[in-house]
Protein backbone atom coordinates (compact mmCIF):
# COMPACT_ATOMS: atom_id res chain seq x y z
CA MET A 1 -15.48 89.08 -10.08
CA ALA A 2 -15.37 87.92 -6.49
CA LEU A 3 -18.95 86.59 -6.83
CA ALA A 4 -18.28 84.62 -9.64
CA THR A 5 -15.10 82.81 -8.57
CA THR A 6 -16.95 81.92 -5.38
CA VAL A 7 -19.57 80.37 -7.54
CA LEU A 8 -17.59 78.83 -9.35
CA ALA A 9 -15.79 77.27 -6.65
CA GLU A 10 -18.81 76.20 -5.09
CA ASP A 11 -19.59 73.79 -8.41
CA PHE A 12 -16.15 72.30 -8.68
CA ASN A 13 -15.93 69.57 -5.97
CA PRO A 14 -12.87 67.79 -6.62
CA LEU A 15 -13.89 64.83 -4.79
CA LEU A 16 -17.47 64.53 -6.78
CA PRO A 17 -16.52 63.15 -10.60
CA LYS A 18 -18.92 64.61 -12.99
CA THR A 19 -22.05 63.07 -13.93
CA ALA A 20 -20.55 62.17 -17.62
CA GLU A 21 -17.65 60.33 -15.94
CA LEU A 22 -19.66 58.35 -14.05
CA ILE A 23 -22.13 57.42 -16.81
CA VAL A 24 -19.05 56.42 -19.09
CA GLY A 25 -17.30 54.90 -15.96
CA THR A 26 -20.86 52.93 -15.07
CA VAL A 27 -21.10 51.57 -19.28
CA ALA A 28 -17.30 50.96 -19.49
CA PHE A 29 -17.38 48.89 -16.61
CA LEU A 30 -20.19 46.95 -17.34
CA LEU A 31 -19.45 46.07 -20.77
CA LEU A 32 -16.20 44.70 -19.16
CA PHE A 33 -17.74 42.83 -16.88
CA LEU A 34 -20.42 41.25 -19.24
CA LEU A 35 -17.11 40.47 -21.44
CA LEU A 36 -15.39 39.02 -18.81
CA ARG A 37 -18.64 36.98 -17.40
CA LYS A 38 -18.74 35.82 -21.46
CA THR A 39 -15.30 34.90 -22.05
CA VAL A 40 -13.04 34.81 -19.39
CA PHE A 41 -15.15 33.19 -16.43
CA PRO A 42 -16.34 30.25 -18.22
CA MET A 43 -12.80 29.32 -18.71
CA PHE A 44 -12.09 29.59 -14.71
CA GLU A 45 -14.65 27.46 -14.15
CA LYS A 46 -13.36 25.07 -16.84
CA ALA A 47 -9.91 24.92 -15.16
CA TYR A 48 -11.44 24.91 -12.12
CA ALA A 49 -13.73 21.98 -12.58
CA ALA A 50 -10.84 20.09 -14.08
CA ARG A 51 -8.65 20.42 -10.94
CA VAL A 52 -11.51 19.44 -8.87
CA ASP A 53 -11.68 16.48 -10.69
CA ALA A 54 -8.14 15.84 -10.95
CA ILE A 55 -8.04 16.06 -7.39
CA GLU A 56 -10.92 13.83 -6.78
CA GLY A 57 -9.63 11.39 -9.08
CA GLY A 58 -6.26 11.50 -7.55
CA ILE A 59 -7.83 10.64 -4.27
CA GLN A 60 -10.17 8.25 -5.59
CA ARG A 61 -7.06 6.78 -7.29
CA ALA A 62 -5.01 6.80 -4.24
CA GLU A 63 -7.66 5.30 -2.15
CA GLU A 64 -7.73 2.55 -4.47
CA ALA A 65 -4.37 1.84 -4.40
CA GLN A 66 -4.39 1.62 -0.63
CA ALA A 67 -6.97 -1.01 -0.77
CA GLN A 68 -5.29 -2.97 -3.21
CA ALA A 69 -1.76 -2.69 -1.06
CA ALA A 70 -4.52 -3.71 1.91
CA ALA A 71 -5.92 -6.68 0.17
CA ALA A 72 -1.95 -7.72 -0.93
CA LEU A 73 -0.88 -7.53 2.45
CA GLU A 74 -3.63 -9.66 3.86
CA GLN A 75 -2.81 -11.92 0.93
CA TYR A 76 0.89 -12.18 1.43
CA ASN A 77 0.15 -12.42 5.18
CA ALA A 78 -2.21 -15.36 4.58
CA GLN A 79 0.80 -16.94 1.89
CA LEU A 80 3.56 -16.22 4.76
CA SER A 81 1.26 -18.23 7.53
CA GLU A 82 0.26 -21.56 5.25
CA ALA A 83 4.17 -21.49 4.51
CA ARG A 84 5.19 -21.22 7.84
CA ALA A 85 2.54 -24.04 8.93
CA GLU A 86 3.85 -26.25 5.40
CA ALA A 87 7.59 -25.87 6.65
CA ALA A 88 6.62 -26.87 10.51
CA ARG A 89 4.53 -30.29 9.12
CA ILE A 90 7.53 -30.81 6.78
CA ARG A 91 10.13 -30.48 9.97
CA ASP A 92 7.51 -32.48 11.88
CA GLU A 93 7.74 -35.48 8.91
CA ALA A 94 11.53 -35.35 8.64
CA ARG A 95 11.27 -35.37 12.61
CA GLU A 96 9.35 -38.42 12.58
CA GLN A 97 11.04 -40.13 9.29
CA GLY A 98 14.42 -39.25 11.44
CA LYS A 99 13.16 -41.05 14.55
CA GLN A 100 12.04 -44.01 12.50
CA ILE A 101 15.24 -44.27 10.52
CA VAL A 102 17.13 -44.31 14.08
CA ASP A 103 14.34 -46.61 15.32
CA GLN A 104 14.83 -49.30 12.21
CA LEU A 105 18.93 -48.95 12.68
CA THR A 106 18.58 -49.62 16.10
CA ALA A 107 16.87 -52.56 15.53
CA GLU A 108 19.11 -53.90 12.85
CA ALA A 109 21.87 -53.32 15.25
CA ARG A 110 20.52 -55.15 17.68
CA GLU A 111 19.55 -57.94 15.09
CA ALA A 112 23.03 -57.96 14.19
CA ALA A 113 24.38 -57.99 17.32
CA ALA A 114 21.98 -61.21 18.42
CA ARG A 115 22.82 -62.77 15.39
CA ILE A 116 26.66 -62.44 16.04
CA THR A 117 26.34 -63.37 20.01
CA ALA A 118 24.61 -66.42 18.55
CA ARG A 119 27.32 -67.37 15.98
CA GLY A 120 29.55 -66.78 19.01
CA GLU A 121 27.81 -69.00 21.16
CA GLU A 122 27.58 -71.72 18.51
CA GLN A 123 30.81 -71.52 17.84
CA LEU A 124 32.36 -71.57 21.72
CA ALA A 125 29.48 -74.56 22.00
CA ALA A 126 31.09 -76.26 19.19
CA GLU A 127 34.82 -75.83 20.61
CA ARG A 128 33.64 -76.86 23.74
CA GLN A 129 32.81 -79.99 21.67
CA GLN A 130 35.79 -80.43 20.35
CA VAL A 131 37.62 -80.00 23.56
CA VAL A 132 35.20 -82.18 25.38
CA VAL A 133 36.00 -84.64 22.49
């Protein structure tokens, strides 16, 4: 009996699975792998591709928006430059018109002063004439 116990003990190794279990486990693993490969993995691939498209599309939209913003900024700066140039031109015209108005009023004042002086001299000459007579 001691001999039979030692033979059984040598045949049974808890670290090595039985051959039937290995075959069943391998077949089950292969079936599960094929099922996952046929059904689940394509869904993961589709989700991954959709996510990549969304990210790349988002990056492309962001780049387009950034380009549009840069173009808008450039256009705004050009319009601002034009507005500043026109404001400077209007200021210069206003200064020129103001100078012309001042010159015109000065000339009119001088003419008026000359007329008044001439009238005064005429009156003075007339009064001298009367005094002499």
